[in-house]
């Protein structure tokens, strides 16, 4: 399924949504974030 930026945050858990949003912002270097598998910490 294709999704826009707004839908990504509604469809995926926070830890997964941020990966997709980071990929859409490919101009920045990859971010390293701590998470518990679902939520960012």
N, C-alpha and C. Protein backbone atom coordinates (compact mmCIF):
# COMPACT_ATOMS: atom_id res chain seq x y z
N UNK A 1 0.84 -1.18 0.00
CA UNK A 1 0.00 0.00 0.00
C UNK A 1 0.88 1.24 0.00
N UNK A 2 0.51 2.21 -0.80
CA UNK A 2 1.19 3.50 -0.81
C UNK A 2 0.57 4.39 0.25
N UNK A 3 1.38 5.22 0.88
CA UNK A 3 0.87 6.13 1.91
C UNK A 3 1.62 7.45 1.84
N UNK A 4 0.92 8.53 2.15
CA UNK A 4 1.60 9.82 2.21
C UNK A 4 2.15 10.02 3.63
N UNK A 5 2.85 11.13 3.84
CA UNK A 5 3.50 11.37 5.13
C UNK A 5 2.53 11.31 6.30
N UNK A 6 1.36 11.90 6.13
CA UNK A 6 0.39 11.93 7.22
C UNK A 6 -0.14 10.53 7.54
N UNK A 7 -0.35 9.73 6.50
CA UNK A 7 -0.88 8.39 6.70
C UNK A 7 0.13 7.47 7.38
N UNK A 8 1.41 7.69 7.11
CA UNK A 8 2.45 6.84 7.70
C UNK A 8 2.35 6.86 9.22
N UNK A 9 2.20 8.04 9.80
CA UNK A 9 2.15 8.14 11.26
C UNK A 9 0.87 7.52 11.83
N UNK A 10 -0.18 7.46 11.02
CA UNK A 10 -1.42 6.83 11.47
C UNK A 10 -1.38 5.31 11.32
N UNK A 11 -0.65 4.82 10.32
CA UNK A 11 -0.66 3.39 10.01
C UNK A 11 0.39 2.58 10.75
N UNK A 12 1.50 3.20 11.11
CA UNK A 12 2.62 2.45 11.68
C UNK A 12 2.92 2.90 13.10
N UNK A 13 3.49 1.98 13.88
CA UNK A 13 3.98 2.35 15.21
C UNK A 13 5.06 3.41 15.05
N UNK A 14 5.25 4.19 16.09
CA UNK A 14 6.18 5.32 16.06
C UNK A 14 7.58 4.92 15.60
N UNK A 15 8.10 3.81 16.11
CA UNK A 15 9.46 3.38 15.79
C UNK A 15 9.61 3.04 14.30
N UNK A 16 8.56 2.54 13.67
CA UNK A 16 8.61 2.20 12.25
C UNK A 16 8.29 3.41 11.38
N UNK A 17 7.35 4.22 11.82
CA UNK A 17 6.97 5.40 11.05
C UNK A 17 8.15 6.35 10.89
N UNK A 18 8.94 6.51 11.92
CA UNK A 18 10.07 7.44 11.84
C UNK A 18 11.08 6.98 10.80
N UNK A 19 11.21 5.66 10.61
CA UNK A 19 12.13 5.15 9.58
C UNK A 19 11.65 5.54 8.18
N UNK A 20 10.36 5.42 7.96
CA UNK A 20 9.80 5.79 6.66
C UNK A 20 9.94 7.29 6.43
N UNK A 21 9.63 8.08 7.46
CA UNK A 21 9.74 9.53 7.32
C UNK A 21 11.19 9.95 7.10
N UNK A 22 12.13 9.28 7.76
CA UNK A 22 13.55 9.56 7.52
C UNK A 22 13.92 9.25 6.07
N UNK A 23 13.39 8.16 5.53
CA UNK A 23 13.69 7.79 4.15
C UNK A 23 13.13 8.83 3.17
N UNK A 24 11.99 9.41 3.51
CA UNK A 24 11.42 10.44 2.65
C UNK A 24 12.25 11.72 2.69
N UNK A 25 12.97 11.94 3.78
CA UNK A 25 13.85 13.10 3.92
C UNK A 25 15.29 12.68 3.64
N UNK A 26 15.52 12.08 2.50
CA UNK A 26 16.82 11.50 2.16
C UNK A 26 17.96 12.51 2.13
N UNK A 27 17.67 13.80 2.16
CA UNK A 27 18.73 14.81 2.11
C UNK A 27 19.57 14.82 3.37
N UNK A 28 19.00 14.37 4.49
CA UNK A 28 19.74 14.37 5.74
C UNK A 28 20.44 13.02 5.92
N UNK A 29 21.51 12.98 6.71
CA UNK A 29 22.18 11.69 6.96
C UNK A 29 21.27 10.78 7.79
N UNK A 30 21.50 9.48 7.76
CA UNK A 30 20.67 8.56 8.54
C UNK A 30 20.70 8.92 10.02
N UNK A 31 19.55 8.88 10.64
CA UNK A 31 19.44 9.20 12.07
C UNK A 31 19.56 7.92 12.89
N UNK A 32 20.14 8.05 14.06
CA UNK A 32 20.22 6.94 15.00
C UNK A 32 19.34 7.30 16.18
N UNK A 33 18.34 6.48 16.43
CA UNK A 33 17.38 6.75 17.50
C UNK A 33 17.19 5.50 18.35
N UNK A 34 16.98 5.70 19.63
CA UNK A 34 16.70 4.59 20.54
C UNK A 34 15.19 4.34 20.55
N UNK A 35 14.81 3.06 20.56
CA UNK A 35 13.39 2.72 20.64
C UNK A 35 13.25 1.37 21.33
N UNK A 36 12.05 1.10 21.78
CA UNK A 36 11.77 -0.16 22.45
C UNK A 36 11.09 -1.16 21.52
N UNK A 37 11.12 -0.89 20.24
CA UNK A 37 10.47 -1.74 19.26
C UNK A 37 9.15 -1.18 18.77
N UNK A 38 8.59 -0.27 19.55
CA UNK A 38 7.32 0.35 19.19
C UNK A 38 7.40 1.86 19.34
N UNK A 39 7.88 2.32 20.48
CA UNK A 39 7.94 3.75 20.79
C UNK A 39 9.39 4.21 20.83
N UNK A 40 9.59 5.47 20.45
CA UNK A 40 10.91 6.08 20.60
C UNK A 40 11.14 6.35 22.08
N UNK A 41 12.37 6.19 22.53
CA UNK A 41 12.70 6.48 23.93
C UNK A 41 13.70 7.61 24.03
